[in-house]
Every structure is written in C-alpha cells, then in structure tokens.
Amino acid sequence: MLPVGIAEVRAAVPLVAPRVHRTPLVTSHSLSERLGTRVSLKLEVFQKTGSFKPRGAFNELLHLSPEQRRHGVVGVSGGNFAQGLGYAGKELGVPVLILMPEGTPPHYVAATRGYGAEVELVPSIAEAFSRAEAYQRAGRPALHPFDDPWMMAGNGTLGLEVVEDAPDLTDLFVSIGGGGLMAGVAAAVKGLLPEARVWGVETLGCHAMRLALDAGRPVEIQPASIAKTLAAPWVSPGTLAAAREWLEDVVVVPDAAAVAALVLLLERAKVLTEPAASCTLAAAEAVRERLGEHTVLVLCGGNVTLADVAAWRERFGV
C-alpha cells in the first residue's frame, strides 16, 4: 500500500507553503550542454535551515493535537531533519528534543541547538531510534524523519512547485536517505505528470533502497558514506512501496562522483550543495544516454562547510 498520494500532498500546501520559502527552479546552460538535455536545478539549498526538511516537519507538527504539541516532541536525526524540526518547533512554540548519533558533525549539532532544540547525543542512529520509541511510550510523540505520511506529504510540496515551474519535465532526480523526500516528490510528480520519469539516487554505502529493492524487503545497513544526511540505517515498507511504484530506477554513485559533481555545481552553477544533493548530478551523468528533453535535479540541501569540501577534494583527488 502506498503511504501517500497526490491528494495528501495537495492538502499539505496550505499548512506548509505559508511557512517555508518557495525555492527557485533555474536552468543551467553549462550543465545542459554537458548532459545533452535541458537541465534545471531545484534550489532547495535556499530553503529555511538549508534543506527541504522544514516542509515535512511543519506538516507533521500541525497534524498533532494541541495537547500533544504542548508536551513537546522527539525526533531522530544526524543532520538536516534535526534543524528542520527544531526550526518548525520554534516557529510553532513546540518543545523539541533531537536524538543525534555521537558522530554527528559539530556544525549540525550547533545549528540544531541554535534553532532552540534540545540535543541528546547517543552512540548510534539505531540507538537513537530505539530511544525515541521509549520517549513515545512515556507520552512524548516521536516524529519520524522519513517514515511518516504527513512528513512525506509535506516534502511533496517541493514536487508540486517543480511541476508548476517545469510542466514539460521528462526526468527528475531526487536523493534517497530513508525515502521520505522521494516518496512525497514522486507522489506529486507522477500524480500530475504520469509520463515523467523519477529517478532515485543514493551514494554507495548509504544505498539502503537499492539493497531493499534487490532483496524484496527492507534491509538494515551500517551507513558508510560521506553523504551523512543520506545515512538512514534502513528504508521503510512504505517508502519501498513508493520506490517500486514510481521510480524509473535507483542509481547508486560513489562518493568520489558526488564530490566531483559538488565541485562542478559550485564552479558552474555557483551553488554549494551537500554530497547528498550533488549526487543527483552524478547520477544524471551516469544515465545521460537515457534522458529526455528536460531534466530536473533536486538539490535538496546545502548544509556543508568549506572545510568539509576541502577535505573531500583532497581525499578523492577532485
């Protein structure tokens, strides 16, 4: 059973749209020449908190009862969901506790606290999910970073914007961590443009969806990629169903290719992304012979430091 559809995405618009940026879609001449198709970039890097995550977080919070919101919520994140939920909670007056793995980059921790959220560091992402369930049993709602229909529907508002701005799109590339962004965006795009192809993208080491599709069921992984914001330890049955129903394919790219694409986007499009976003360009390059006339790359986040970029370039020789 599919977790979300076009009706739920449309219903999220009045809740989400007044509280987030309507991010631009711009065409890149140099990338269009490189890929042999018109390439447009959905610049979600300019969203509040630097990623798409507030869209789903607002929709999740606004579907809780006033009593639940007063008690506060708990979330699990190693990066962008922490900031998105922290921001949404601050805007709506909802206390937020974020459970983060101990290896989370310090700038993510600092930014999350900057949005007013309390941060509790735990040994691993799996332990964070387990502890969130304990908080929920004690009466504090646990908001899932990807496996929640309201989250997916809120994220899907991004897809509606893309279709409004690019009704002639033939191919769209979107990153997959746990699959909450992919499911919402695919529901919107395929619901309005059934002939358009949606491609999921993962980095090697964070390719839980590719493994799940191959195995026919969700499988647990130990995430091992520099794309930390794709580091879900598993995908859900719901997001797996969405991938089966709507995706043309899931393309897995190595970290080195994601970094090379990151540098290319910075040099040619003048936009700094995370590897979790630049991997969409690497994937489009990998399947360029199969692309139609208008390709859209969802650049879902840009929470990265210059020190990170310098270290990755040295590591991968890019």
C-alpha atoms as a PDB file:
ATOM      1  CA  MET A   1       0.000   0.000   0.000  1.00  0.00           C
ATOM      2  CA  LEU A   2       1.350   3.410  -0.955  1.00  0.00           C
ATOM      3  CA  PRO A   3       1.918   5.707   2.034  1.00  0.00           C
ATOM      4  CA  VAL A   4       0.982   8.987   0.322  1.00  0.00           C
ATOM      5  CA  GLY A   5      -0.639  10.273  -2.854  1.00  0.00           C
ATOM      6  CA  ILE A   6      -1.260  13.470  -4.751  1.00  0.00           C
ATOM      7  CA  ALA A   7      -4.335  14.295  -2.615  1.00  0.00           C
ATOM      8  CA  GLU A   8      -2.305  14.297   0.602  1.00  0.00           C
ATOM      9  CA  VAL A   9       0.420  16.405  -0.979  1.00  0.00           C
ATOM     10  CA  ARG A  10      -2.103  18.983  -2.169  1.00  0.00           C
ATOM     11  CA  ALA A  11      -3.695  19.037   1.295  1.00  0.00           C
ATOM     12  CA  ALA A  12      -0.303  19.889   2.801  1.00  0.00           C
ATOM     13  CA  VAL A  13       0.113  23.063   0.755  1.00  0.00           C
ATOM     14  CA  PRO A  14      -1.983  25.437   2.923  1.00  0.00           C
ATOM     15  CA  LEU A  15      -0.165  24.209   6.043  1.00  0.00           C
ATOM     16  CA  VAL A  16       3.352  24.251   4.630  1.00  0.00           C
ATOM     17  CA  ALA A  17       3.522  26.946   1.956  1.00  0.00           C
ATOM     18  CA  PRO A  18       2.991  29.974   4.252  1.00  0.00           C
ATOM     19  CA  ARG A  19       5.836  28.790   6.499  1.00  0.00           C
ATOM     20  CA  VAL A  20       8.609  27.942   4.007  1.00  0.00           C
ATOM     21  CA  HIS A  21      10.307  29.505   1.000  1.00  0.00           C
ATOM     22  CA  ARG A  22       9.076  28.726  -2.472  1.00  0.00           C
ATOM     23  CA  THR A  23      12.535  27.892  -3.767  1.00  0.00           C
ATOM     24  CA  PRO A  24      13.555  28.756  -7.344  1.00  0.00           C
ATOM     25  CA  LEU A  25      13.965  26.445 -10.306  1.00  0.00           C
ATOM     26  CA  VAL A  26      16.728  27.678 -12.599  1.00  0.00           C
ATOM     27  CA  THR A  27      18.152  26.380 -15.866  1.00  0.00           C
ATOM     28  CA  SER A  28      21.905  25.790 -16.181  1.00  0.00           C
ATOM     29  CA  HIS A  29      23.289  26.361 -19.679  1.00  0.00           C
ATOM     30  CA  SER A  30      26.649  24.713 -18.927  1.00  0.00           C
ATOM     31  CA  LEU A  31      25.095  21.606 -17.355  1.00  0.00           C
ATOM     32  CA  SER A  32      22.600  21.385 -20.215  1.00  0.00           C
ATOM     33  CA  GLU A  33      25.475  21.299 -22.701  1.00  0.00           C
ATOM     34  CA  ARG A  34      27.305  18.733 -20.578  1.00  0.00           C
ATOM     35  CA  LEU A  35      24.361  16.315 -20.315  1.00  0.00           C
ATOM     36  CA  GLY A  36      22.831  16.948 -23.736  1.00  0.00           C
ATOM     37  CA  THR A  37      19.434  17.857 -22.294  1.00  0.00           C
ATOM     38  CA  ARG A  38      17.957  20.963 -20.735  1.00  0.00           C
ATOM     39  CA  VAL A  39      18.965  20.807 -17.067  1.00  0.00           C
ATOM     40  CA  SER A  40      17.092  22.709 -14.373  1.00  0.00           C
ATOM     41  CA  LEU A  41      18.085  22.889 -10.716  1.00  0.00           C
ATOM     42  CA  LYS A  42      15.524  22.969  -7.900  1.00  0.00           C
ATOM     43  CA  LEU A  43      17.428  25.090  -5.395  1.00  0.00           C
ATOM     44  CA  GLU A  44      16.154  23.724  -2.109  1.00  0.00           C
ATOM     45  CA  VAL A  45      19.553  24.661  -0.688  1.00  0.00           C
ATOM     46  CA  PHE A  46      17.940  28.093  -0.239  1.00  0.00           C
ATOM     47  CA  GLN A  47      15.152  26.691   1.931  1.00  0.00           C
ATOM     48  CA  LYS A  48      14.925  27.740   5.561  1.00  0.00           C
ATOM     49  CA  THR A  49      17.557  25.761   7.554  1.00  0.00           C
ATOM     50  CA  GLY A  50      19.353  24.942   4.291  1.00  0.00           C
ATOM     51  CA  SER A  51      17.360  21.870   3.296  1.00  0.00           C
ATOM     52  CA  PHE A  52      13.872  20.630   2.410  1.00  0.00           C
ATOM     53  CA  LYS A  53      13.231  19.248   5.891  1.00  0.00           C
ATOM     54  CA  PRO A  54      11.017  22.032   7.323  1.00  0.00           C
ATOM     55  CA  ARG A  55       8.356  21.142   4.750  1.00  0.00           C
ATOM     56  CA  GLY A  56       7.676  17.728   6.250  1.00  0.00           C
ATOM     57  CA  ALA A  57       8.346  18.836   9.816  1.00  0.00           C
ATOM     58  CA  PHE A  58       5.692  21.556   9.707  1.00  0.00           C
ATOM     59  CA  ASN A  59       3.163  19.134   8.250  1.00  0.00           C
ATOM     60  CA  GLU A  60       3.914  16.539  10.918  1.00  0.00           C
ATOM     61  CA  LEU A  61       3.670  19.018  13.789  1.00  0.00           C
ATOM     62  CA  LEU A  62       0.466  20.608  12.515  1.00  0.00           C
ATOM     63  CA  HIS A  63      -1.222  17.210  12.387  1.00  0.00           C
ATOM     64  CA  LEU A  64      -0.635  16.693  16.109  1.00  0.00           C
ATOM     65  CA  SER A  65      -3.268  17.794  18.580  1.00  0.00           C
ATOM     66  CA  PRO A  66      -2.679  20.997  20.560  1.00  0.00           C
ATOM     67  CA  GLU A  67      -2.264  18.842  23.668  1.00  0.00           C
ATOM     68  CA  GLN A  68       0.443  16.736  22.004  1.00  0.00           C
ATOM     69  CA  ARG A  69       2.286  19.837  20.826  1.00  0.00           C
ATOM     70  CA  ARG A  70       2.240  21.310  24.340  1.00  0.00           C
ATOM     71  CA  HIS A  71       4.013  18.209  25.690  1.00  0.00           C
ATOM     72  CA  GLY A  72       6.764  18.523  23.081  1.00  0.00           C
ATOM     73  CA  VAL A  73       8.112  16.051  20.543  1.00  0.00           C
ATOM     74  CA  VAL A  74      11.210  13.963  19.995  1.00  0.00           C
ATOM     75  CA  GLY A  75      12.975  13.367  16.694  1.00  0.00           C
ATOM     76  CA  VAL A  76      15.901  11.311  15.390  1.00  0.00           C
ATOM     77  CA  SER A  77      18.434  12.872  13.056  1.00  0.00           C
ATOM     78  CA  GLY A  78      22.087  13.028  12.125  1.00  0.00           C
ATOM     79  CA  GLY A  79      21.657  16.293  10.295  1.00  0.00           C
ATOM     80  CA  ASN A  80      19.012  18.137   8.345  1.00  0.00           C
ATOM     81  CA  PHE A  81      15.823  16.808   9.957  1.00  0.00           C
ATOM     82  CA  ALA A  82      17.176  17.960  13.311  1.00  0.00           C
ATOM     83  CA  GLN A  83      17.407  21.526  12.062  1.00  0.00           C
ATOM     84  CA  GLY A  84      14.132  21.382  10.154  1.00  0.00           C
ATOM     85  CA  LEU A  85      12.204  20.052  13.153  1.00  0.00           C
ATOM     86  CA  GLY A  86      13.988  22.426  15.518  1.00  0.00           C
ATOM     87  CA  TYR A  87      13.042  25.380  13.331  1.00  0.00           C
ATOM     88  CA  ALA A  88       9.440  24.255  12.882  1.00  0.00           C
ATOM     89  CA  GLY A  89       9.085  23.650  16.601  1.00  0.00           C
ATOM     90  CA  LYS A  90      10.437  27.093  17.397  1.00  0.00           C
ATOM     91  CA  GLU A  91       8.036  28.743  14.943  1.00  0.00           C
ATOM     92  CA  LEU A  92       5.031  26.847  16.352  1.00  0.00           C
ATOM     93  CA  GLY A  93       6.047  27.009  20.018  1.00  0.00           C
ATOM     94  CA  VAL A  94       6.583  23.256  20.329  1.00  0.00           C
ATOM     95  CA  PRO A  95       9.441  21.969  22.548  1.00  0.00           C
ATOM     96  CA  VAL A  96      11.736  19.719  20.503  1.00  0.00           C
ATOM     97  CA  LEU A  97      14.230  17.091  21.647  1.00  0.00           C
ATOM     98  CA  ILE A  98      16.560  15.683  18.999  1.00  0.00           C
ATOM     99  CA  LEU A  99      18.402  12.370  19.431  1.00  0.00           C
ATOM    100  CA  MET A 100      21.653  12.500  17.446  1.00  0.00           C
ATOM    101  CA  PRO A 101      24.422   9.948  16.885  1.00  0.00           C
ATOM    102  CA  GLU A 102      27.657  10.854  18.636  1.00  0.00           C
ATOM    103  CA  GLY A 103      29.491  11.110  15.298  1.00  0.00           C
ATOM    104  CA  THR A 104      27.235  13.907  14.028  1.00  0.00           C
ATOM    105  CA  PRO A 105      29.294  16.802  12.597  1.00  0.00           C
ATOM    106  CA  PRO A 106      29.597  19.595  15.196  1.00  0.00           C
ATOM    107  CA  HIS A 107      28.081  22.235  12.918  1.00  0.00           C
ATOM    108  CA  TYR A 108      24.864  20.193  12.686  1.00  0.00           C
ATOM    109  CA  VAL A 109      24.675  19.954  16.480  1.00  0.00           C
ATOM    110  CA  ALA A 110      25.347  23.665  16.919  1.00  0.00           C
ATOM    111  CA  ALA A 111      22.800  24.659  14.264  1.00  0.00           C
ATOM    112  CA  THR A 112      20.131  22.425  15.806  1.00  0.00           C
ATOM    113  CA  ARG A 113      20.641  23.964  19.225  1.00  0.00           C
ATOM    114  CA  GLY A 114      20.614  27.363  17.552  1.00  0.00           C
ATOM    115  CA  TYR A 115      17.041  26.716  16.462  1.00  0.00           C
ATOM    116  CA  GLY A 116      16.089  26.141  20.084  1.00  0.00           C
ATOM    117  CA  ALA A 117      16.011  22.341  20.153  1.00  0.00           C
ATOM    118  CA  GLU A 118      17.471  20.253  22.951  1.00  0.00           C
ATOM    119  CA  VAL A 119      20.059  17.754  21.688  1.00  0.00           C
ATOM    120  CA  GLU A 120      20.805  14.381  23.255  1.00  0.00           C
ATOM    121  CA  LEU A 121      23.785  12.507  21.800  1.00  0.00           C
ATOM    122  CA  VAL A 122      23.560   8.709  21.636  1.00  0.00           C
ATOM    123  CA  PRO A 123      26.026   6.028  20.443  1.00  0.00           C
ATOM    124  CA  SER A 124      24.398   5.266  17.070  1.00  0.00           C
ATOM    125  CA  ILE A 125      21.476   6.077  14.800  1.00  0.00           C
ATOM    126  CA  ALA A 126      19.912   2.702  15.614  1.00  0.00           C
ATOM    127  CA  GLU A 127      20.133   3.509  19.327  1.00  0.00           C
ATOM    128  CA  ALA A 128      18.561   6.893  18.617  1.00  0.00           C
ATOM    129  CA  PHE A 129      15.510   5.249  17.026  1.00  0.00           C
ATOM    130  CA  SER A 130      15.236   2.829  19.936  1.00  0.00           C
ATOM    131  CA  ARG A 131      15.406   5.652  22.484  1.00  0.00           C
ATOM    132  CA  ALA A 132      12.812   7.658  20.550  1.00  0.00           C
ATOM    133  CA  GLU A 133      10.396   4.744  20.902  1.00  0.00           C
ATOM    134  CA  ALA A 134      10.981   4.800  24.668  1.00  0.00           C
ATOM    135  CA  TYR A 135      10.168   8.510  24.802  1.00  0.00           C
ATOM    136  CA  GLN A 136       6.998   7.845  22.817  1.00  0.00           C
ATOM    137  CA  ARG A 137       5.904   5.130  25.223  1.00  0.00           C
ATOM    138  CA  ALA A 138       6.387   7.675  28.008  1.00  0.00           C
ATOM    139  CA  GLY A 139       3.977  10.061  26.264  1.00  0.00           C
ATOM    140  CA  ARG A 140       6.155  12.296  24.093  1.00  0.00           C
ATOM    141  CA  PRO A 141       5.269  11.987  20.386  1.00  0.00           C
ATOM    142  CA  ALA A 142       8.166  10.723  18.271  1.00  0.00           C
ATOM    143  CA  LEU A 143       8.286  12.289  14.816  1.00  0.00           C
ATOM    144  CA  HIS A 144       9.958  10.091  12.248  1.00  0.00           C
ATOM    145  CA  PRO A 145      12.473  11.674   9.834  1.00  0.00           C
ATOM    146  CA  PHE A 146      11.122   9.760   6.825  1.00  0.00           C
ATOM    147  CA  ASP A 147       8.588   7.032   7.669  1.00  0.00           C
ATOM    148  CA  ASP A 148       5.518   9.184   8.209  1.00  0.00           C
ATOM    149  CA  PRO A 149       2.797  10.001   5.649  1.00  0.00           C
ATOM    150  CA  TRP A 150       2.476  13.617   6.859  1.00  0.00           C
ATOM    151  CA  MET A 151       6.221  14.051   6.534  1.00  0.00           C
ATOM    152  CA  MET A 152       6.137  12.665   3.000  1.00  0.00           C
ATOM    153  CA  ALA A 153       3.170  14.826   2.020  1.00  0.00           C
ATOM    154  CA  GLY A 154       4.857  17.968   3.317  1.00  0.00           C
ATOM    155  CA  ASN A 155       8.017  17.120   1.412  1.00  0.00           C
ATOM    156  CA  GLY A 156       5.895  16.556  -1.660  1.00  0.00           C
ATOM    157  CA  THR A 157       5.037  20.261  -1.821  1.00  0.00           C
ATOM    158  CA  LEU A 158       8.500  20.617  -3.353  1.00  0.00           C
ATOM    159  CA  GLY A 159       7.374  18.367  -6.182  1.00  0.00           C
ATOM    160  CA  LEU A 160       4.273  20.449  -6.813  1.00  0.00           C
ATOM    161  CA  GLU A 161       6.459  23.529  -7.172  1.00  0.00           C
ATOM    162  CA  VAL A 162       8.680  21.737  -9.672  1.00  0.00           C
ATOM    163  CA  VAL A 163       5.717  20.700 -11.825  1.00  0.00           C
ATOM    164  CA  GLU A 164       4.283  24.226 -11.728  1.00  0.00           C
ATOM    165  CA  ASP A 165       7.612  25.665 -12.896  1.00  0.00           C
ATOM    166  CA  ALA A 166       8.560  22.848 -15.301  1.00  0.00           C
ATOM    167  CA  PRO A 167       5.390  21.249 -16.680  1.00  0.00           C
ATOM    168  CA  ASP A 168       7.449  19.851 -19.564  1.00  0.00           C
ATOM    169  CA  LEU A 169       9.925  17.924 -17.396  1.00  0.00           C
ATOM    170  CA  THR A 170      10.778  14.462 -18.639  1.00  0.00           C
ATOM    171  CA  ASP A 171      13.168  13.294 -15.902  1.00  0.00           C
ATOM    172  CA  LEU A 172      13.593  14.222 -12.250  1.00  0.00           C
ATOM    173  CA  PHE A 173      16.428  13.086  -9.967  1.00  0.00           C
ATOM    174  CA  VAL A 174      15.865  13.034  -6.207  1.00  0.00           C
ATOM    175  CA  SER A 175      18.052  11.726  -3.401  1.00  0.00           C
ATOM    176  CA  ILE A 176      17.042   8.890  -1.095  1.00  0.00           C
ATOM    177  CA  GLY A 177      18.041   8.532   2.536  1.00  0.00           C
ATOM    178  CA  GLY A 178      15.108   6.792   4.169  1.00  0.00           C
ATOM    179  CA  GLY A 179      12.880   7.742   1.258  1.00  0.00           C
ATOM    180  CA  GLY A 180      10.594  10.385   2.759  1.00  0.00           C
ATOM    181  CA  LEU A 181      11.581  13.064   0.256  1.00  0.00           C
ATOM    182  CA  MET A 182      11.475  10.680  -2.689  1.00  0.00           C
ATOM    183  CA  ALA A 183       8.019   9.356  -1.780  1.00  0.00           C
ATOM    184  CA  GLY A 184       6.454  12.787  -1.459  1.00  0.00           C
ATOM    185  CA  VAL A 185       8.079  14.252  -4.553  1.00  0.00           C
ATOM    186  CA  ALA A 186       7.312  11.184  -6.638  1.00  0.00           C
ATOM    187  CA  ALA A 187       3.683  11.229  -5.495  1.00  0.00           C
ATOM    188  CA  ALA A 188       3.389  14.830  -6.690  1.00  0.00           C
ATOM    189  CA  VAL A 189       5.263  14.424  -9.974  1.00  0.00           C
ATOM    190  CA  LYS A 190       3.731  11.122 -11.030  1.00  0.00           C
ATOM    191  CA  GLY A 191       0.301  12.269  -9.872  1.00  0.00           C
ATOM    192  CA  LEU A 192       0.421  15.257 -12.221  1.00  0.00           C
ATOM    193  CA  LEU A 193       2.787  14.063 -14.956  1.00  0.00           C
ATOM    194  CA  PRO A 194       2.392  10.278 -15.223  1.00  0.00           C
ATOM    195  CA  GLU A 195       4.780  10.054 -18.184  1.00  0.00           C
ATOM    196  CA  ALA A 196       7.637  11.834 -16.387  1.00  0.00           C
ATOM    197  CA  ARG A 197      10.384   9.586 -15.040  1.00  0.00           C
ATOM    198  CA  VAL A 198      11.524   9.907 -11.432  1.00  0.00           C
ATOM    199  CA  TRP A 199      14.992   8.594 -10.626  1.00  0.00           C
ATOM    200  CA  GLY A 200      16.083   7.845  -7.074  1.00  0.00           C
ATOM    201  CA  VAL A 201      19.713   8.464  -6.167  1.00  0.00           C
ATOM    202  CA  GLU A 202      21.898   7.050  -3.393  1.00  0.00           C
ATOM    203  CA  THR A 203      25.590   7.092  -2.587  1.00  0.00           C
ATOM    204  CA  LEU A 204      27.493   3.842  -2.205  1.00  0.00           C
ATOM    205  CA  GLY A 205      27.487   2.923   1.469  1.00  0.00           C
ATOM    206  CA  CYS A 206      24.125   4.644   2.023  1.00  0.00           C
ATOM    207  CA  HIS A 207      22.243   2.619  -0.575  1.00  0.00           C
ATOM    208  CA  ALA A 208      19.578   1.058   1.634  1.00  0.00           C
ATOM    209  CA  MET A 209      16.863   1.482  -1.013  1.00  0.00           C
ATOM    210  CA  ARG A 210      18.866  -0.199  -3.771  1.00  0.00           C
ATOM    211  CA  LEU A 211      19.547  -3.129  -1.442  1.00  0.00           C
ATOM    212  CA  ALA A 212      15.897  -3.279  -0.381  1.00  0.00           C
ATOM    213  CA  LEU A 213      14.699  -3.341  -3.982  1.00  0.00           C
ATOM    214  CA  ASP A 214      17.156  -6.107  -4.789  1.00  0.00           C
ATOM    215  CA  ALA A 215      16.198  -8.123  -1.700  1.00  0.00           C
ATOM    216  CA  GLY A 216      12.463  -7.509  -1.998  1.00  0.00           C
ATOM    217  CA  ARG A 217      12.260  -6.165   1.566  1.00  0.00           C
ATOM    218  CA  PRO A 218      13.868  -3.513   3.799  1.00  0.00           C
ATOM    219  CA  VAL A 219      17.333  -4.487   4.990  1.00  0.00           C
ATOM    220  CA  GLU A 220      19.413  -2.898   7.723  1.00  0.00           C
ATOM    221  CA  ILE A 221      22.762  -1.350   6.795  1.00  0.00           C
ATOM    222  CA  GLN A 222      25.623   0.317   8.599  1.00  0.00           C
ATOM    223  CA  PRO A 223      25.800   3.623   6.695  1.00  0.00           C
ATOM    224  CA  ALA A 224      29.276   4.296   5.291  1.00  0.00           C
ATOM    225  CA  SER A 225      29.394   7.347   3.040  1.00  0.00           C
ATOM    226  CA  ILE A 226      30.402  10.976   3.339  1.00  0.00           C
ATOM    227  CA  ALA A 227      26.769  11.811   2.489  1.00  0.00           C
ATOM    228  CA  LYS A 228      25.805  11.839   6.156  1.00  0.00           C
ATOM    229  CA  THR A 229      22.316  13.173   5.512  1.00  0.00           C
ATOM    230  CA  LEU A 230      21.524  10.038   3.483  1.00  0.00           C
ATOM    231  CA  ALA A 231      22.604   7.775   6.344  1.00  0.00           C
ATOM    232  CA  ALA A 232      19.322   6.043   7.156  1.00  0.00           C
ATOM    233  CA  PRO A 233      20.004   2.545   8.513  1.00  0.00           C
ATOM    234  CA  TRP A 234      17.021   1.189   6.582  1.00  0.00           C
ATOM    235  CA  VAL A 235      14.117   2.219   4.384  1.00  0.00           C
ATOM    236  CA  SER A 236      10.542   1.578   5.435  1.00  0.00           C
ATOM    237  CA  PRO A 237       7.994  -0.723   3.812  1.00  0.00           C
ATOM    238  CA  GLY A 238       6.095   2.405   2.771  1.00  0.00           C
ATOM    239  CA  THR A 239       8.990   4.136   1.072  1.00  0.00           C
ATOM    240  CA  LEU A 240       9.998   0.854  -0.543  1.00  0.00           C
ATOM    241  CA  ALA A 241       6.472   0.556  -1.955  1.00  0.00           C
ATOM    242  CA  ALA A 242       6.741   4.114  -3.293  1.00  0.00           C
ATOM    243  CA  ALA A 243      10.040   3.297  -4.990  1.00  0.00           C
ATOM    244  CA  ARG A 244       8.591   0.183  -6.608  1.00  0.00           C
ATOM    245  CA  GLU A 245       5.546   2.051  -7.859  1.00  0.00           C
ATOM    246  CA  TRP A 246       7.018   5.328  -9.059  1.00  0.00           C
ATOM    247  CA  LEU A 247      10.751   5.171  -9.698  1.00  0.00           C
ATOM    248  CA  GLU A 248      12.322   4.550 -13.070  1.00  0.00           C
ATOM    249  CA  ASP A 249      15.403   3.250 -11.265  1.00  0.00           C
ATOM    250  CA  VAL A 250      17.636   3.848  -8.255  1.00  0.00           C
ATOM    251  CA  VAL A 251      21.099   4.960  -9.324  1.00  0.00           C
ATOM    252  CA  VAL A 252      23.945   4.431  -6.840  1.00  0.00           C
ATOM    253  CA  VAL A 253      27.018   6.646  -7.245  1.00  0.00           C
ATOM    254  CA  PRO A 254      30.355   6.518  -5.395  1.00  0.00           C
ATOM    255  CA  ASP A 255      31.349   9.297  -3.009  1.00  0.00           C
ATOM    256  CA  ALA A 256      34.068  10.459  -5.392  1.00  0.00           C
ATOM    257  CA  ALA A 257      31.495  11.105  -8.121  1.00  0.00           C
ATOM    258  CA  ALA A 258      29.275  13.017  -5.699  1.00  0.00           C
ATOM    259  CA  VAL A 259      32.216  15.226  -4.706  1.00  0.00           C
ATOM    260  CA  ALA A 260      33.185  15.831  -8.335  1.00  0.00           C
ATOM    261  CA  ALA A 261      29.579  16.861  -9.015  1.00  0.00           C
ATOM    262  CA  LEU A 262      29.601  19.099  -5.927  1.00  0.00           C
ATOM    263  CA  VAL A 263      32.660  20.932  -7.268  1.00  0.00           C
ATOM    264  CA  LEU A 264      31.094  21.206 -10.717  1.00  0.00           C
ATOM    265  CA  LEU A 265      27.885  22.695  -9.297  1.00  0.00           C
ATOM    266  CA  LEU A 266      29.899  25.190  -7.292  1.00  0.00           C
ATOM    267  CA  GLU A 267      32.034  26.221 -10.258  1.00  0.00           C
ATOM    268  CA  ARG A 268      29.343  26.268 -12.964  1.00  0.00           C
ATOM    269  CA  ALA A 269      26.064  26.967 -11.138  1.00  0.00           C
ATOM    270  CA  LYS A 270      27.584  28.947  -8.236  1.00  0.00           C
ATOM    271  CA  VAL A 271      25.690  26.885  -5.671  1.00  0.00           C
ATOM    272  CA  LEU A 272      27.202  24.920  -2.784  1.00  0.00           C
ATOM    273  CA  THR A 273      25.441  21.643  -2.039  1.00  0.00           C
ATOM    274  CA  GLU A 274      25.918  18.624   0.176  1.00  0.00           C
ATOM    275  CA  PRO A 275      27.093  15.359  -1.416  1.00  0.00           C
ATOM    276  CA  ALA A 276      23.576  14.137  -0.624  1.00  0.00           C
ATOM    277  CA  ALA A 277      22.332  16.684  -3.182  1.00  0.00           C
ATOM    278  CA  SER A 278      25.169  16.802  -5.712  1.00  0.00           C
ATOM    279  CA  CYS A 279      24.850  13.034  -6.163  1.00  0.00           C
ATOM    280  CA  THR A 280      21.785  13.773  -8.328  1.00  0.00           C
ATOM    281  CA  LEU A 281      24.058  15.370 -10.921  1.00  0.00           C
ATOM    282  CA  ALA A 282      26.442  12.417 -10.764  1.00  0.00           C
ATOM    283  CA  ALA A 283      23.510  10.049 -11.305  1.00  0.00           C
ATOM    284  CA  ALA A 284      22.171  12.064 -14.243  1.00  0.00           C
ATOM    285  CA  GLU A 285      25.609  11.922 -15.843  1.00  0.00           C
ATOM    286  CA  ALA A 286      25.691   8.159 -15.336  1.00  0.00           C
ATOM    287  CA  VAL A 287      22.454   7.672 -17.307  1.00  0.00           C
ATOM    288  CA  ARG A 288      22.703  10.631 -19.684  1.00  0.00           C
ATOM    289  CA  GLU A 289      22.018   8.465 -22.738  1.00  0.00           C
ATOM    290  CA  ARG A 290      18.561   7.671 -21.356  1.00  0.00           C
ATOM    291  CA  LEU A 291      17.460  11.228 -20.557  1.00  0.00           C
ATOM    292  CA  GLY A 292      14.610  13.057 -22.245  1.00  0.00           C
ATOM    293  CA  GLU A 293      14.386  16.710 -23.177  1.00  0.00           C
ATOM    294  CA  HIS A 294      14.141  18.351 -19.741  1.00  0.00           C
ATOM    295  CA  THR A 295      15.923  17.039 -16.653  1.00  0.00           C
ATOM    296  CA  VAL A 296      15.362  18.457 -13.166  1.00  0.00           C
ATOM    297  CA  LEU A 297      17.865  17.881 -10.362  1.00  0.00           C
ATOM    298  CA  VAL A 298      16.523  18.341  -6.834  1.00  0.00           C
ATOM    299  CA  LEU A 299      19.350  19.961  -4.847  1.00  0.00           C
ATOM    300  CA  CYS A 300      17.839  19.061  -1.508  1.00  0.00           C
ATOM    301  CA  GLY A 301      20.364  20.545   0.934  1.00  0.00           C
ATOM    302  CA  GLY A 302      23.441  22.669   1.351  1.00  0.00           C
ATOM    303  CA  ASN A 303      24.495  22.274   4.970  1.00  0.00           C
ATOM    304  CA  VAL A 304      28.203  21.771   4.443  1.00  0.00           C
ATOM    305  CA  THR A 305      31.309  23.680   5.470  1.00  0.00           C
ATOM    306  CA  LEU A 306      34.214  24.812   3.303  1.00  0.00           C
ATOM    307  CA  ALA A 307      36.467  22.679   5.497  1.00  0.00           C
ATOM    308  CA  ASP A 308      34.371  19.645   4.528  1.00  0.00           C
ATOM    309  CA  VAL A 309      34.719  20.461   0.844  1.00  0.00           C
ATOM    310  CA  ALA A 310      38.475  20.945   1.104  1.00  0.00           C
ATOM    311  CA  ALA A 311      38.887  17.632   2.942  1.00  0.00           C
ATOM    312  CA  TRP A 312      36.767  15.743   0.392  1.00  0.00           C
ATOM    313  CA  ARG A 313      38.653  17.223  -2.540  1.00  0.00           C
ATOM    314  CA  GLU A 314      41.960  16.158  -1.032  1.00  0.00           C
ATOM    315  CA  ARG A 315      40.644  12.689  -0.161  1.00  0.00           C
ATOM    316  CA  PHE A 316      39.234  11.963  -3.609  1.00  0.00           C
ATOM    317  CA  GLY A 317      41.661  13.983  -5.711  1.00  0.00           C
ATOM    318  CA  VAL A 318      38.920  16.126  -7.231  1.00  0.00           C
END
